[in-house]
């Protein structure tokens, strides 16, 4: 994913609308590209600040660092669940083959 593609995904990321593959590429790019990371931090703070003021909500403020960390943890959990499902299916198939 290049810088322009990442920049186009700031809002979908903030709104939790990226698919797994997009999210993975987005996070990897931000880890590698300091310019995009700095731009994202500014953009995130600006967008979330406006939303926070518009909604006048009692929600706690979540900074860009925490948002990125949460997204990375989500990806990790999804990968672990996927591997668990694969392992379960493998054990199930082996069990069925043994019973036959």
PDB file of N, CA and C in Angstrom:
ATOM      1  N   UNK A   1       0.859  -1.172   0.000  1.00  0.00           N
ATOM      2  CA  UNK A   1       0.000   0.000   0.000  1.00  0.00           C
ATOM      3  C   UNK A   1       0.901   1.230   0.000  1.00  0.00           C
ATOM      4  N   UNK A   2       0.628   2.167  -0.893  1.00  0.00           N
ATOM      5  CA  UNK A   2       1.450   3.374  -0.947  1.00  0.00           C
ATOM      6  C   UNK A   2       0.830   4.486  -0.093  1.00  0.00           C
ATOM      7  N   UNK A   3       1.536   5.607  -0.017  1.00  0.00           N
ATOM      8  CA  UNK A   3       1.114   6.709   0.853  1.00  0.00           C
ATOM      9  C   UNK A   3      -0.276   7.230   0.486  1.00  0.00           C
ATOM     10  N   UNK A   4      -0.545   7.378  -0.794  1.00  0.00           N
ATOM     11  CA  UNK A   4      -1.851   7.902  -1.214  1.00  0.00           C
ATOM     12  C   UNK A   4      -2.983   6.962  -0.785  1.00  0.00           C
ATOM     13  N   UNK A   5      -2.790   5.660  -0.951  1.00  0.00           N
ATOM     14  CA  UNK A   5      -3.812   4.688  -0.549  1.00  0.00           C
ATOM     15  C   UNK A   5      -4.042   4.731   0.959  1.00  0.00           C
ATOM     16  N   UNK A   6      -2.960   4.882   1.714  1.00  0.00           N
ATOM     17  CA  UNK A   6      -3.080   4.965   3.175  1.00  0.00           C
ATOM     18  C   UNK A   6      -3.857   6.210   3.568  1.00  0.00           C
ATOM     19  N   UNK A   7      -3.529   7.340   2.939  1.00  0.00           N
ATOM     20  CA  UNK A   7      -4.210   8.594   3.250  1.00  0.00           C
ATOM     21  C   UNK A   7      -5.707   8.511   2.949  1.00  0.00           C
ATOM     22  N   UNK A   8      -6.077   7.777   1.910  1.00  0.00           N
ATOM     23  CA  UNK A   8      -7.481   7.607   1.561  1.00  0.00           C
ATOM     24  C   UNK A   8      -8.225   6.745   2.578  1.00  0.00           C
ATOM     25  N   UNK A   9      -7.488   6.030   3.407  1.00  0.00           N
ATOM     26  CA  UNK A   9      -8.102   5.119   4.364  1.00  0.00           C
ATOM     27  C   UNK A   9      -8.097   5.636   5.799  1.00  0.00           C
ATOM     28  N   UNK A  10      -7.697   6.869   6.003  1.00  0.00           N
ATOM     29  CA  UNK A  10      -7.711   7.424   7.364  1.00  0.00           C
ATOM     30  C   UNK A  10      -9.112   7.361   7.973  1.00  0.00           C
ATOM     31  N   UNK A  11     -10.101   7.901   7.279  1.00  0.00           N
ATOM     32  CA  UNK A  11     -11.472   7.921   7.810  1.00  0.00           C
ATOM     33  C   UNK A  11     -12.037   6.506   7.957  1.00  0.00           C
ATOM     34  N   UNK A  12     -11.921   5.637   6.931  1.00  0.00           N
ATOM     35  CA  UNK A  12     -12.413   4.268   7.133  1.00  0.00           C
ATOM     36  C   UNK A  12     -11.738   3.572   8.324  1.00  0.00           C
ATOM     37  N   UNK A  13     -10.453   3.851   8.549  1.00  0.00           N
ATOM     38  CA  UNK A  13      -9.774   3.263   9.707  1.00  0.00           C
ATOM     39  C   UNK A  13     -10.367   3.808  11.002  1.00  0.00           C
ATOM     40  N   UNK A  14     -10.520   5.119  11.067  1.00  0.00           N
ATOM     41  CA  UNK A  14     -11.065   5.746  12.266  1.00  0.00           C
ATOM     42  C   UNK A  14     -12.459   5.205  12.569  1.00  0.00           C
ATOM     43  N   UNK A  15     -13.229   4.936  11.510  1.00  0.00           N
ATOM     44  CA  UNK A  15     -14.597   4.435  11.669  1.00  0.00           C
ATOM     45  C   UNK A  15     -14.678   2.905  11.727  1.00  0.00           C
ATOM     46  N   UNK A  16     -13.532   2.229  11.834  1.00  0.00           N
ATOM     47  CA  UNK A  16     -13.464   0.762  11.913  1.00  0.00           C
ATOM     48  C   UNK A  16     -14.132   0.086  10.719  1.00  0.00           C
ATOM     49  N   UNK A  17     -13.878   0.594   9.519  1.00  0.00           N
ATOM     50  CA  UNK A  17     -14.510   0.060   8.323  1.00  0.00           C
ATOM     51  C   UNK A  17     -13.538  -0.669   7.390  1.00  0.00           C
ATOM     52  N   UNK A  18     -12.292  -0.855   7.788  1.00  0.00           N
ATOM     53  CA  UNK A  18     -11.330  -1.549   6.934  1.00  0.00           C
ATOM     54  C   UNK A  18     -11.463  -3.054   7.094  1.00  0.00           C
ATOM     55  N   UNK A  19     -11.352  -3.752   5.966  1.00  0.00           N
ATOM     56  CA  UNK A  19     -11.318  -5.217   6.018  1.00  0.00           C
ATOM     57  C   UNK A  19      -9.957  -5.641   6.565  1.00  0.00           C
ATOM     58  N   UNK A  20      -9.849  -6.917   6.924  1.00  0.00           N
ATOM     59  CA  UNK A  20      -8.632  -7.423   7.566  1.00  0.00           C
ATOM     60  C   UNK A  20      -7.380  -7.151   6.730  1.00  0.00           C
ATOM     61  N   UNK A  21      -7.428  -7.467   5.442  1.00  0.00           N
ATOM     62  CA  UNK A  21      -6.262  -7.250   4.581  1.00  0.00           C
ATOM     63  C   UNK A  21      -5.885  -5.792   4.485  1.00  0.00           C
ATOM     64  N   UNK A  22      -6.882  -4.929   4.355  1.00  0.00           N
ATOM     65  CA  UNK A  22      -6.633  -3.488   4.293  1.00  0.00           C
ATOM     66  C   UNK A  22      -6.055  -2.981   5.612  1.00  0.00           C
ATOM     67  N   UNK A  23      -6.616  -3.460   6.710  1.00  0.00           N
ATOM     68  CA  UNK A  23      -6.147  -3.045   8.027  1.00  0.00           C
ATOM     69  C   UNK A  23      -4.699  -3.444   8.238  1.00  0.00           C
ATOM     70  N   UNK A  24      -4.364  -4.660   7.854  1.00  0.00           N
ATOM     71  CA  UNK A  24      -2.993  -5.142   7.993  1.00  0.00           C
ATOM     72  C   UNK A  24      -2.034  -4.280   7.175  1.00  0.00           C
ATOM     73  N   UNK A  25      -2.359  -4.026   5.910  1.00  0.00           N
ATOM     74  CA  UNK A  25      -1.500  -3.210   5.046  1.00  0.00           C
ATOM     75  C   UNK A  25      -1.406  -1.774   5.563  1.00  0.00           C
ATOM     76  N   UNK A  26      -2.516  -1.237   6.038  1.00  0.00           N
ATOM     77  CA  UNK A  26      -2.559   0.119   6.583  1.00  0.00           C
ATOM     78  C   UNK A  26      -1.607   0.244   7.781  1.00  0.00           C
ATOM     79  N   UNK A  27      -1.726  -0.682   8.727  1.00  0.00           N
ATOM     80  CA  UNK A  27      -0.892  -0.627   9.932  1.00  0.00           C
ATOM     81  C   UNK A  27       0.583  -0.837   9.606  1.00  0.00           C
ATOM     82  N   UNK A  28       0.872  -1.767   8.692  1.00  0.00           N
ATOM     83  CA  UNK A  28       2.271  -1.994   8.307  1.00  0.00           C
ATOM     84  C   UNK A  28       2.869  -0.740   7.678  1.00  0.00           C
ATOM     85  N   UNK A  29       2.091  -0.073   6.826  1.00  0.00           N
ATOM     86  CA  UNK A  29       2.601   1.135   6.184  1.00  0.00           C
ATOM     87  C   UNK A  29       2.879   2.221   7.221  1.00  0.00           C
ATOM     88  N   UNK A  30       1.981   2.400   8.166  1.00  0.00           N
ATOM     89  CA  UNK A  30       2.197   3.427   9.189  1.00  0.00           C
ATOM     90  C   UNK A  30       3.400   3.112  10.067  1.00  0.00           C
ATOM     91  N   UNK A  31       3.712   1.844  10.244  1.00  0.00           N
ATOM     92  CA  UNK A  31       4.908   1.469  11.005  1.00  0.00           C
ATOM     93  C   UNK A  31       6.177   1.823  10.241  1.00  0.00           C
ATOM     94  N   UNK A  32       6.110   1.747   8.918  1.00  0.00           N
ATOM     95  CA  UNK A  32       7.299   1.946   8.088  1.00  0.00           C
ATOM     96  C   UNK A  32       7.470   3.382   7.596  1.00  0.00           C
ATOM     97  N   UNK A  33       6.393   4.128   7.462  1.00  0.00           N
ATOM     98  CA  UNK A  33       6.441   5.465   6.857  1.00  0.00           C
ATOM     99  C   UNK A  33       6.178   6.533   7.927  1.00  0.00           C
ATOM    100  N   UNK A  34       7.235   7.202   8.337  1.00  0.00           N
ATOM    101  CA  UNK A  34       7.117   8.212   9.392  1.00  0.00           C
ATOM    102  C   UNK A  34       6.262   9.397   8.951  1.00  0.00           C
ATOM    103  N   UNK A  35       6.349   9.781   7.675  1.00  0.00           N
ATOM    104  CA  UNK A  35       5.541  10.905   7.186  1.00  0.00           C
ATOM    105  C   UNK A  35       4.046  10.614   7.301  1.00  0.00           C
ATOM    106  N   UNK A  36       3.631   9.426   6.861  1.00  0.00           N
ATOM    107  CA  UNK A  36       2.213   9.048   6.954  1.00  0.00           C
ATOM    108  C   UNK A  36       1.784   8.931   8.400  1.00  0.00           C
ATOM    109  N   UNK A  37       2.668   8.434   9.243  1.00  0.00           N
ATOM    110  CA  UNK A  37       2.344   8.281  10.669  1.00  0.00           C
ATOM    111  C   UNK A  37       2.089   9.635  11.315  1.00  0.00           C
ATOM    112  N   UNK A  38       2.957  10.593  11.022  1.00  0.00           N
ATOM    113  CA  UNK A  38       2.779  11.930  11.585  1.00  0.00           C
ATOM    114  C   UNK A  38       1.519  12.587  11.044  1.00  0.00           C
ATOM    115  N   UNK A  39       1.279  12.425   9.751  1.00  0.00           N
ATOM    116  CA  UNK A  39       0.073  12.986   9.147  1.00  0.00           C
ATOM    117  C   UNK A  39      -1.177  12.341   9.732  1.00  0.00           C
ATOM    118  N   UNK A  40      -1.129  11.017   9.932  1.00  0.00           N
ATOM    119  CA  UNK A  40      -2.274  10.328  10.533  1.00  0.00           C
ATOM    120  C   UNK A  40      -2.540  10.845  11.939  1.00  0.00           C
ATOM    121  N   UNK A  41      -1.493  11.016  12.739  1.00  0.00           N
ATOM    122  CA  UNK A  41      -1.665  11.505  14.109  1.00  0.00           C
ATOM    123  C   UNK A  41      -2.378  12.860  14.121  1.00  0.00           C
ATOM    124  N   UNK A  42      -1.967  13.749  13.234  1.00  0.00           N
ATOM    125  CA  UNK A  42      -2.586  15.071  13.156  1.00  0.00           C
ATOM    126  C   UNK A  42      -4.033  14.948  12.687  1.00  0.00           C
ATOM    127  N   UNK A  43      -4.245  14.186  11.637  1.00  0.00           N
ATOM    128  CA  UNK A  43      -5.571  14.013  11.059  1.00  0.00           C
ATOM    129  C   UNK A  43      -6.520  13.376  12.077  1.00  0.00           C
ATOM    130  N   UNK A  44      -6.043  12.344  12.742  1.00  0.00           N
ATOM    131  CA  UNK A  44      -6.853  11.643  13.743  1.00  0.00           C
ATOM    132  C   UNK A  44      -7.260  12.594  14.865  1.00  0.00           C
ATOM    133  N   UNK A  45      -6.296  13.350  15.377  1.00  0.00           N
ATOM    134  CA  UNK A  45      -6.578  14.276  16.466  1.00  0.00           C
ATOM    135  C   UNK A  45      -7.599  15.319  16.039  1.00  0.00           C
ATOM    136  N   UNK A  46      -7.454  15.821  14.822  1.00  0.00           N
ATOM    137  CA  UNK A  46      -8.372  16.830  14.310  1.00  0.00           C
ATOM    138  C   UNK A  46      -9.788  16.259  14.142  1.00  0.00           C
ATOM    139  N   UNK A  47      -9.903  15.107  13.480  1.00  0.00           N
ATOM    140  CA  UNK A  47     -11.209  14.494  13.229  1.00  0.00           C
ATOM    141  C   UNK A  47     -11.888  14.100  14.541  1.00  0.00           C
ATOM    142  N   UNK A  48     -11.159  13.418  15.391  1.00  0.00           N
ATOM    143  CA  UNK A  48     -11.754  12.961  16.649  1.00  0.00           C
ATOM    144  C   UNK A  48     -12.083  14.139  17.560  1.00  0.00           C
ATOM    145  N   UNK A  49     -11.276  15.191  17.529  1.00  0.00           N
ATOM    146  CA  UNK A  49     -11.566  16.382  18.322  1.00  0.00           C
ATOM    147  C   UNK A  49     -12.869  17.025  17.879  1.00  0.00           C
ATOM    148  N   UNK A  50     -13.059  17.134  16.566  1.00  0.00           N
ATOM    149  CA  UNK A  50     -14.305  17.707  16.056  1.00  0.00           C
ATOM    150  C   UNK A  50     -15.495  16.831  16.423  1.00  0.00           C
ATOM    151  N   UNK A  51     -15.342  15.524  16.279  1.00  0.00           N
ATOM    152  CA  UNK A  51     -16.433  14.608  16.634  1.00  0.00           C
ATOM    153  C   UNK A  51     -16.749  14.676  18.117  1.00  0.00           C
ATOM    154  N   UNK A  52     -15.712  14.746  18.914  1.00  0.00           N
ATOM    155  CA  UNK A  52     -15.878  14.802  20.360  1.00  0.00           C
ATOM    156  C   UNK A  52     -16.658  16.053  20.764  1.00  0.00           C
ATOM    157  N   UNK A  53     -16.312  17.190  20.151  1.00  0.00           N
ATOM    158  CA  UNK A  53     -17.000  18.441  20.468  1.00  0.00           C
ATOM    159  C   UNK A  53     -18.430  18.454  19.944  1.00  0.00           C
ATOM    160  N   UNK A  54     -18.652  17.895  18.754  1.00  0.00           N
ATOM    161  CA  UNK A  54     -19.990  17.868  18.167  1.00  0.00           C
ATOM    162  C   UNK A  54     -20.953  17.016  18.993  1.00  0.00           C
ATOM    163  N   UNK A  55     -20.460  15.881  19.466  1.00  0.00           N
ATOM    164  CA  UNK A  55     -21.320  14.948  20.182  1.00  0.00           C
ATOM    165  C   UNK A  55     -21.479  15.320  21.653  1.00  0.00           C
ATOM    166  N   UNK A  56     -20.565  16.150  22.156  1.00  0.00           N
ATOM    167  CA  UNK A  56     -20.578  16.517  23.575  1.00  0.00           C
ATOM    168  C   UNK A  56     -20.778  15.282  24.443  1.00  0.00           C
ATOM    169  N   UNK A  57     -20.084  14.240  24.099  1.00  0.00           N
ATOM    170  CA  UNK A  57     -20.257  12.971  24.804  1.00  0.00           C
ATOM    171  C   UNK A  57     -19.369  12.900  26.039  1.00  0.00           C
ATOM    172  N   UNK A  58     -19.685  11.937  26.853  1.00  0.00           N
ATOM    173  CA  UNK A  58     -18.927  11.691  28.065  1.00  0.00           C
ATOM    174  C   UNK A  58     -17.848  10.635  27.843  1.00  0.00           C
ATOM    175  N   UNK A  59     -17.705  10.203  26.579  1.00  0.00           N
ATOM    176  CA  UNK A  59     -16.719   9.166  26.286  1.00  0.00           C
ATOM    177  C   UNK A  59     -15.305   9.653  26.592  1.00  0.00           C
ATOM    178  N   UNK A  60     -14.467   8.713  26.976  1.00  0.00           N
ATOM    179  CA  UNK A  60     -13.064   9.035  27.195  1.00  0.00           C
ATOM    180  C   UNK A  60     -12.378   9.230  25.856  1.00  0.00           C
ATOM    181  N   UNK A  61     -11.470  10.138  25.808  1.00  0.00           N
ATOM    182  CA  UNK A  61     -10.704  10.412  24.602  1.00  0.00           C
ATOM    183  C   UNK A  61      -9.728   9.266  24.355  1.00  0.00           C
ATOM    184  N   UNK A  62      -9.712   8.773  23.127  1.00  0.00           N
ATOM    185  CA  UNK A  62      -8.765   7.732  22.736  1.00  0.00           C
ATOM    186  C   UNK A  62      -7.807   8.364  21.745  1.00  0.00           C
ATOM    187  N   UNK A  63      -6.533   8.411  22.104  1.00  0.00           N
ATOM    188  CA  UNK A  63      -5.533   9.022  21.236  1.00  0.00           C
ATOM    189  C   UNK A  63      -5.172   8.121  20.068  1.00  0.00           C
ATOM    190  N   UNK A  64      -4.440   8.681  19.114  1.00  0.00           N
ATOM    191  CA  UNK A  64      -4.083   7.935  17.911  1.00  0.00           C
ATOM    192  C   UNK A  64      -3.199   6.732  18.227  1.00  0.00           C
ATOM    193  N   UNK A  65      -2.308   6.882  19.186  1.00  0.00           N
ATOM    194  CA  UNK A  65      -1.432   5.762  19.564  1.00  0.00           C
ATOM    195  C   UNK A  65      -2.255   4.585  20.078  1.00  0.00           C
ATOM    196  N   UNK A  66      -3.216   4.890  20.929  1.00  0.00           N
ATOM    197  CA  UNK A  66      -4.059   3.836  21.494  1.00  0.00           C
ATOM    198  C   UNK A  66      -4.941   3.204  20.417  1.00  0.00           C
ATOM    199  N   UNK A  67      -5.461   4.017  19.512  1.00  0.00           N
ATOM    200  CA  UNK A  67      -6.285   3.508  18.411  1.00  0.00           C
ATOM    201  C   UNK A  67      -5.476   2.534  17.552  1.00  0.00           C
ATOM    202  N   UNK A  68      -4.238   2.913  17.221  1.00  0.00           N
ATOM    203  CA  UNK A  68      -3.378   2.033  16.415  1.00  0.00           C
ATOM    204  C   UNK A  68      -3.021   0.761  17.178  1.00  0.00           C
ATOM    205  N   UNK A  69      -2.739   0.899  18.463  1.00  0.00           N
ATOM    206  CA  UNK A  69      -2.400  -0.270  19.283  1.00  0.00           C
ATOM    207  C   UNK A  69      -3.597  -1.218  19.384  1.00  0.00           C
ATOM    208  N   UNK A  70      -4.784  -0.662  19.584  1.00  0.00           N
ATOM    209  CA  UNK A  70      -5.991  -1.487  19.649  1.00  0.00           C
ATOM    210  C   UNK A  70      -6.234  -2.226  18.337  1.00  0.00           C
ATOM    211  N   UNK A  71      -5.995  -1.540  17.221  1.00  0.00           N
ATOM    212  CA  UNK A  71      -6.179  -2.165  15.912  1.00  0.00           C
ATOM    213  C   UNK A  71      -5.183  -3.306  15.722  1.00  0.00           C
ATOM    214  N   UNK A  72      -3.943  -3.103  16.160  1.00  0.00           N
ATOM    215  CA  UNK A  72      -2.930  -4.153  16.041  1.00  0.00           C
ATOM    216  C   UNK A  72      -3.296  -5.350  16.922  1.00  0.00           C
ATOM    217  N   UNK A  73      -3.783  -5.093  18.113  1.00  0.00           N
ATOM    218  CA  UNK A  73      -4.212  -6.179  19.003  1.00  0.00           C
ATOM    219  C   UNK A  73      -5.402  -6.929  18.414  1.00  0.00           C
ATOM    220  N   UNK A  74      -6.311  -6.207  17.790  1.00  0.00           N
ATOM    221  CA  UNK A  74      -7.459  -6.830  17.131  1.00  0.00           C
ATOM    222  C   UNK A  74      -6.986  -7.768  16.018  1.00  0.00           C
ATOM    223  N   UNK A  75      -6.048  -7.298  15.204  1.00  0.00           N
ATOM    224  CA  UNK A  75      -5.506  -8.140  14.135  1.00  0.00           C
ATOM    225  C   UNK A  75      -4.855  -9.395  14.698  1.00  0.00           C
ATOM    226  N   UNK A  76      -4.106  -9.234  15.767  1.00  0.00           N
ATOM    227  CA  UNK A  76      -3.442 -10.374  16.395  1.00  0.00           C
ATOM    228  C   UNK A  76      -4.467 -11.383  16.905  1.00  0.00           C
ATOM    229  N   UNK A  77      -5.513 -10.898  17.575  1.00  0.00           N
ATOM    230  CA  UNK A  77      -6.561 -11.800  18.069  1.00  0.00           C
ATOM    231  C   UNK A  77      -7.249 -12.529  16.921  1.00  0.00           C
ATOM    232  N   UNK A  78      -7.515 -11.825  15.835  1.00  0.00           N
ATOM    233  CA  UNK A  78      -8.167 -12.449  14.673  1.00  0.00           C
ATOM    234  C   UNK A  78      -7.281 -13.535  14.065  1.00  0.00           C
ATOM    235  N   UNK A  79      -5.991 -13.269  13.998  1.00  0.00           N
ATOM    236  CA  UNK A  79      -5.062 -14.270  13.457  1.00  0.00           C
ATOM    237  C   UNK A  79      -5.026 -15.503  14.357  1.00  0.00           C
ATOM    238  N   UNK A  80      -4.997 -15.282  15.653  1.00  0.00           N
ATOM    239  CA  UNK A  80      -4.979 -16.405  16.601  1.00  0.00           C
ATOM    240  C   UNK A  80      -6.258 -17.227  16.479  1.00  0.00           C
ATOM    241  N   UNK A  81      -7.404 -16.540  16.365  1.00  0.00           N
ATOM    242  CA  UNK A  81      -8.670 -17.255  16.214  1.00  0.00           C
ATOM    243  C   UNK A  81      -8.689 -18.044  14.907  1.00  0.00           C
ATOM    244  N   UNK A  82      -8.158 -17.461  13.851  1.00  0.00           N
ATOM    245  CA  UNK A  82      -8.103 -18.139  12.558  1.00  0.00           C
ATOM    246  C   UNK A  82      -7.242 -19.401  12.652  1.00  0.00           C
ATOM    247  N   UNK A  83      -6.080 -19.273  13.277  1.00  0.00           N
ATOM    248  CA  UNK A  83      -5.200 -20.440  13.436  1.00  0.00           C
ATOM    249  C   UNK A  83      -5.855 -21.495  14.323  1.00  0.00           C
ATOM    250  N   UNK A  84      -6.580 -21.059  15.334  1.00  0.00           N
ATOM    251  CA  UNK A  84      -7.300 -21.997  16.193  1.00  0.00           C
ATOM    252  C   UNK A  84      -8.361 -22.761  15.418  1.00  0.00           C
ATOM    253  N   UNK A  85      -9.062 -22.069  14.534  1.00  0.00           N
ATOM    254  CA  UNK A  85     -10.072 -22.730  13.709  1.00  0.00           C
ATOM    255  C   UNK A  85      -9.434 -23.742  12.770  1.00  0.00           C
ATOM    256  N   UNK A  86      -8.305 -23.379  12.187  1.00  0.00           N
ATOM    257  CA  UNK A  86      -7.591 -24.300  11.290  1.00  0.00           C
ATOM    258  C   UNK A  86      -7.140 -25.532  12.061  1.00  0.00           C
ATOM    259  N   UNK A  87      -6.589 -25.315  13.250  1.00  0.00           N
ATOM    260  CA  UNK A  87      -6.132 -26.440  14.068  1.00  0.00           C
ATOM    261  C   UNK A  87      -7.312 -27.334  14.458  1.00  0.00           C
ATOM    262  N   UNK A  88      -8.424 -26.738  14.830  1.00  0.00           N
ATOM    263  CA  UNK A  88      -9.607 -27.508  15.191  1.00  0.00           C
ATOM    264  C   UNK A  88     -10.096 -28.343  14.010  1.00  0.00           C
ATOM    265  N   UNK A  89     -10.153 -27.732  12.836  1.00  0.00           N
ATOM    266  CA  UNK A  89     -10.583 -28.471  11.647  1.00  0.00           C
ATOM    267  C   UNK A  89      -9.618 -29.607  11.308  1.00  0.00           C
ATOM    268  N   UNK A  90      -8.332 -29.365  11.488  1.00  0.00           N
ATOM    269  CA  UNK A  90      -7.345 -30.407  11.225  1.00  0.00           C
ATOM    270  C   UNK A  90      -7.538 -31.578  12.180  1.00  0.00           C
ATOM    271  N   UNK A  91      -7.722 -31.296  13.453  1.00  0.00           N
ATOM    272  CA  UNK A  91      -7.947 -32.349  14.443  1.00  0.00           C
ATOM    273  C   UNK A  91      -9.248 -33.086  14.138  1.00  0.00           C
ATOM    274  N   UNK A  92     -10.259 -32.364  13.765  1.00  0.00           N
ATOM    275  CA  UNK A  92     -11.543 -32.963  13.426  1.00  0.00           C
ATOM    276  C   UNK A  92     -11.407 -33.900  12.213  1.00  0.00           C
ATOM    277  N   UNK A  93     -10.691 -33.446  11.191  1.00  0.00           N
ATOM    278  CA  UNK A  93     -10.481 -34.284  10.005  1.00  0.00           C
ATOM    279  C   UNK A  93      -9.684 -35.540  10.337  1.00  0.00           C
ATOM    280  N   UNK A  94      -8.651 -35.378  11.148  1.00  0.00           N
ATOM    281  CA  UNK A  94      -7.840 -36.532  11.534  1.00  0.00           C
ATOM    282  C   UNK A  94      -8.684 -37.504  12.351  1.00  0.00           C
ATOM    283  N   UNK A  95      -9.505 -36.957  13.260  1.00  0.00           N
ATOM    284  CA  UNK A  95     -10.380 -37.821  14.057  1.00  0.00           C
ATOM    285  C   UNK A  95     -11.366 -38.587  13.176  1.00  0.00           C
ATOM    286  N   UNK A  96     -11.921 -37.927  12.198  1.00  0.00           N
ATOM    287  CA  UNK A  96     -12.853 -38.597  11.278  1.00  0.00           C
ATOM    288  C   UNK A  96     -12.146 -39.684  10.475  1.00  0.00           C
ATOM    289  N   UNK A  97     -10.931 -39.414  10.055  1.00  0.00           N
ATOM    290  CA  UNK A  97     -10.173 -40.417   9.273  1.00  0.00           C
ATOM    291  C   UNK A  97      -9.844 -41.622  10.127  1.00  0.00           C
ATOM    292  N   UNK A  98      -9.548 -41.412  11.400  1.00  0.00           N
ATOM    293  CA  UNK A  98      -9.238 -42.508  12.295  1.00  0.00           C
ATOM    294  C   UNK A  98     -10.476 -43.375  12.535  1.00  0.00           C
ATOM    295  N   UNK A  99     -11.636 -42.730  12.663  1.00  0.00           N
ATOM    296  CA  UNK A  99     -12.876 -43.467  12.892  1.00  0.00           C
ATOM    297  C   UNK A  99     -13.308 -44.278  11.675  1.00  0.00           C
ATOM    298  N   UNK A 100     -12.920 -43.831  10.495  1.00  0.00           N
ATOM    299  CA  UNK A 100     -13.304 -44.566   9.280  1.00  0.00           C
ATOM    300  C   UNK A 100     -12.374 -45.703   9.135  1.00  0.00           C
TER     301      UNK A 100
END
